Structure formats: structure tokens, C-alpha cells
Protein backbone atom coordinates (compact mmCIF):
# COMPACT_ATOMS: atom_id res chain seq x y z
CA MET A 1 0.00 0.00 0.00
CA ASN A 2 1.31 3.49 -0.79
CA ASN A 3 -0.92 6.36 0.16
CA GLY A 4 1.89 8.85 0.53
CA ILE A 5 4.34 7.05 2.84
CA ARG A 6 7.65 5.45 1.88
CA VAL A 7 9.98 3.80 4.41
CA GLU A 8 13.59 2.81 3.86
CA ILE A 9 16.03 1.54 6.46
CA SER A 10 19.67 2.55 6.15
CA ASP A 11 21.90 0.79 8.65
CA THR A 12 19.66 1.03 11.71
CA ILE A 13 17.93 4.33 10.90
CA ALA A 14 14.48 4.34 9.32
CA ILE A 15 13.77 7.14 6.85
CA LEU A 16 10.04 7.75 6.50
CA THR A 17 9.23 9.96 3.52
CA LEU A 18 5.91 11.75 3.19
CA THR A 19 5.29 11.88 -0.52
CA ARG A 20 2.26 12.59 -2.65
CA PRO A 21 3.20 12.12 -6.31
CA ASP A 22 -0.25 13.40 -7.32
CA SER A 23 0.03 16.65 -5.34
CA ARG A 24 2.37 19.55 -4.57
CA VAL A 25 1.67 19.16 -0.86
CA ASN A 26 1.52 16.34 1.65
CA ILE A 27 -1.81 16.12 3.39
CA LEU A 28 -3.03 13.79 6.10
CA ASN A 29 -6.18 12.08 4.90
CA ARG A 30 -7.65 8.84 6.27
CA PRO A 31 -5.62 6.48 4.01
CA VAL A 32 -2.37 8.32 4.85
CA LEU A 33 -3.15 8.22 8.58
CA THR A 34 -3.89 4.50 8.34
CA GLU A 35 -0.70 3.76 6.42
CA LEU A 36 1.37 5.92 8.76
CA ARG A 37 0.00 3.94 11.72
CA GLU A 38 0.87 0.64 10.01
CA GLN A 39 4.40 1.81 9.17
CA LEU A 40 5.07 3.17 12.68
CA THR A 41 3.71 -0.01 14.27
CA ALA A 42 6.01 -2.12 12.08
CA LEU A 43 9.01 0.10 12.86
CA ALA A 44 8.30 -0.04 16.61
CA ALA A 45 8.40 -3.85 16.42
CA ASN A 46 11.63 -3.92 14.40
CA ARG A 47 14.38 -4.49 16.96
CA GLU A 48 17.06 -3.48 14.46
CA VAL A 49 15.76 0.09 14.09
CA THR A 50 17.44 2.58 16.45
CA GLY A 51 16.04 5.84 15.10
CA LEU A 52 13.54 7.42 12.75
CA VAL A 53 13.84 10.47 10.51
CA ILE A 54 10.68 11.84 8.89
CA ILE A 55 11.24 13.86 5.72
CA SER A 56 9.18 15.13 2.82
CA GLY A 57 9.43 14.06 -0.78
CA GLN A 58 7.98 17.44 -1.82
CA ALA A 59 10.25 20.34 -2.74
CA ASP A 60 8.77 23.05 -0.52
CA ASN A 61 6.25 21.32 1.72
CA PHE A 62 6.81 19.14 4.76
CA CYS A 63 3.12 18.59 5.51
CA ALA A 64 0.14 20.90 5.04
CA GLY A 65 -1.86 19.08 7.71
CA ALA A 66 -5.23 17.40 7.64
CA ASP A 67 -7.23 17.12 4.45
CA LEU A 68 -9.83 19.88 4.71
CA ALA A 69 -12.19 17.92 2.43
CA VAL A 70 -12.33 15.20 5.08
CA ILE A 71 -13.06 17.77 7.79
CA GLU A 72 -15.74 19.43 5.65
CA GLY A 73 -17.35 16.03 5.12
CA ILE A 74 -17.85 15.40 8.83
CA LYS A 75 -21.57 15.36 9.57
CA THR A 76 -21.78 14.25 13.21
CA ALA A 77 -20.01 14.80 16.49
CA ALA A 78 -19.19 11.07 16.56
CA GLU A 79 -17.37 11.36 13.21
CA ALA A 80 -15.41 14.36 14.50
CA ARG A 81 -14.43 12.50 17.68
CA ALA A 82 -13.36 9.45 15.66
CA LEU A 83 -11.09 11.52 13.39
CA ALA A 84 -9.62 13.38 16.38
CA ARG A 85 -9.04 10.08 18.19
CA GLN A 86 -7.37 8.57 15.10
CA GLY A 87 -4.85 11.42 14.93
CA GLN A 88 -4.28 11.50 18.70
CA GLU A 89 -3.61 7.77 18.86
CA LEU A 90 -1.30 7.93 15.86
CA PHE A 91 0.80 10.76 17.27
CA THR A 92 0.88 9.11 20.71
CA LEU A 93 2.28 6.02 18.94
CA LEU A 94 4.92 8.20 17.26
CA ALA A 95 5.82 9.93 20.54
CA GLY A 96 6.13 6.57 22.29
CA LEU A 97 8.43 4.83 19.82
CA PRO A 98 11.22 2.88 21.55
CA PHE A 99 13.84 4.99 19.76
CA PRO A 100 14.28 8.70 19.00
CA SER A 101 12.48 10.32 16.09
CA VAL A 102 13.37 13.46 14.15
CA ALA A 103 11.18 15.58 11.89
CA ALA A 104 13.47 17.11 9.25
CA ILE A 105 11.35 20.06 8.13
CA HIS A 106 11.80 22.04 4.94
CA GLY A 107 8.93 24.07 3.57
CA SER A 108 5.50 24.62 5.05
CA CYS A 109 4.59 22.56 8.08
CA LEU A 110 1.10 23.42 9.19
CA GLY A 111 -1.76 22.09 11.29
CA GLY A 112 -1.53 18.32 11.52
CA GLY A 113 1.95 18.54 9.99
CA THR A 114 3.08 20.65 12.94
CA GLU A 115 1.36 18.25 15.31
CA LEU A 116 3.21 15.36 13.62
CA ALA A 117 6.51 17.21 14.10
CA LEU A 118 5.65 17.99 17.73
CA ALA A 119 5.12 14.26 18.38
CA CYS A 120 8.71 13.56 17.29
CA THR A 121 11.52 13.55 19.82
CA TYR A 122 13.36 16.29 17.88
CA ARG A 123 12.72 18.74 15.06
CA ILE A 124 15.28 20.11 12.62
CA VAL A 125 14.07 23.07 10.56
CA SER A 126 15.75 24.42 7.42
CA ASP A 127 16.89 28.03 7.42
CA ASP A 128 14.82 28.95 4.37
CA PRO A 129 12.13 31.64 3.97
CA ARG A 130 9.76 28.97 2.59
CA THR A 131 9.92 27.05 5.88
CA PHE A 132 7.38 27.87 8.54
CA LEU A 133 5.36 26.07 11.19
CA GLY A 134 1.99 26.86 12.67
CA LEU A 135 -1.46 25.76 13.72
CA PRO A 136 -3.62 27.87 11.38
CA GLU A 137 -6.74 25.73 11.83
CA THR A 138 -7.86 28.16 14.54
CA GLN A 139 -8.40 30.69 11.74
CA LEU A 140 -11.04 28.26 10.42
CA GLY A 141 -12.69 27.92 13.82
CA LEU A 142 -11.01 24.59 14.60
CA ILE A 143 -8.91 23.62 17.61
CA PRO A 144 -5.70 21.63 16.96
CA GLY A 145 -7.05 18.20 17.82
CA TRP A 146 -4.10 15.84 17.42
CA GLY A 147 -2.03 16.86 20.43
CA GLY A 148 -0.74 20.28 19.41
CA THR A 149 -2.45 22.06 22.28
CA GLN A 150 -0.58 19.79 24.70
CA ARG A 151 2.81 19.38 23.05
CA LEU A 152 3.40 22.95 21.82
CA PRO A 153 3.28 24.56 25.31
CA ARG A 154 5.77 21.97 26.59
CA LEU A 155 8.15 22.88 23.79
CA VAL A 156 7.87 26.69 23.55
CA GLY A 157 6.19 27.67 26.83
CA ILE A 158 2.60 28.63 27.56
CA PRO A 159 2.67 32.30 26.46
CA GLU A 160 4.16 31.59 23.01
CA ALA A 161 1.97 28.52 22.52
CA LEU A 162 -1.15 30.50 23.39
CA ARG A 163 -0.18 33.22 20.92
CA MET A 164 0.47 30.71 18.14
CA ILE A 165 -2.67 28.66 18.80
CA THR A 166 -5.14 31.50 19.31
CA THR A 167 -3.93 33.60 16.38
CA GLY A 168 -3.02 30.79 14.00
CA SER A 169 0.29 32.59 13.42
CA ARG A 170 3.20 30.97 11.66
CA VAL A 171 6.83 30.98 12.75
């Protein structure tokens, strides 16, 4: 199955590439979330893997976040809770891997992409004007639902996290 995830292991380091050959940006839709869970579960069970690096196969986009078409298609509170739970469980799995993980970010990293990066042990960000991170879903009336409201304050402090979350600003 390839819904936008490619995994290669070099020595003992797994390289997970987010790649959408049919799109300029990586988005997290249901098939991608499912495949990401399967890949992370397999990597967690692989005793030879000692680290994970997540990169993008796109030139100027790490991950644009959740697929807005999926969010727009939600009709009930139960569907919204299920999607939120799917992302929360996935990023909890990533955060709990038995080895360190690194998000190597170049280009835009927004919404669920930022939450994915926050779930990693470390983040490396390119020094490029096209690279920025943020949780802009608040500008659409949505709360970051995949752990960003919990992980961002731990990383940057409460005042900066509140500013970023409530304004949807990008850094």
C-alpha cells in the first residue's frame, strides 16, 4: 500500500518519507493516517531500528496538515471524535516509539503537519524563507485536535503557545 508514505532503512535508521506524487503538498487524509500507523507499528516492532527520521518528498512542503475535504465532510459529532481520536492515537504512537524520532522540516509545516513534528523527539528546521510552522486551523474555527495544544506549550512555553494557537500565526 502506498498512500503517501515510503519507508527505507539505512543501517539502523528508518527514513520515513511523506510523498504525494499526485500533489504539490503532503496532506493527512484517512488512508495516509492508516498507512502511517501501520508503518510506525512495524518500525516499533523492528528491533534493528534505532532511530527514525521523517522527511518530505515534496520540494517546498513538509506537511500541510489534515485534508480539509475530510473535515468538511464530517456530519456528526461522533465522526469528529473518531477523526480526532485517530490522529491523537497515531501521534501518541509516534511519541512513544522505543527509539528517537526526528522531523526534518523544509517548507511549510502546518496544522496536523506541525502536530506530527511535535510528536517527534526532535525537530530540525531548514533556514529557508519557505519554511514555517503553525497551527492555522484556529483561523477556520477549529482547535488543533491531534495533540498540538498539549505538546506545543511543553516545547515553547505557555505564552508563546497561546499566541500561536489562538492567532493561528506561523513561525
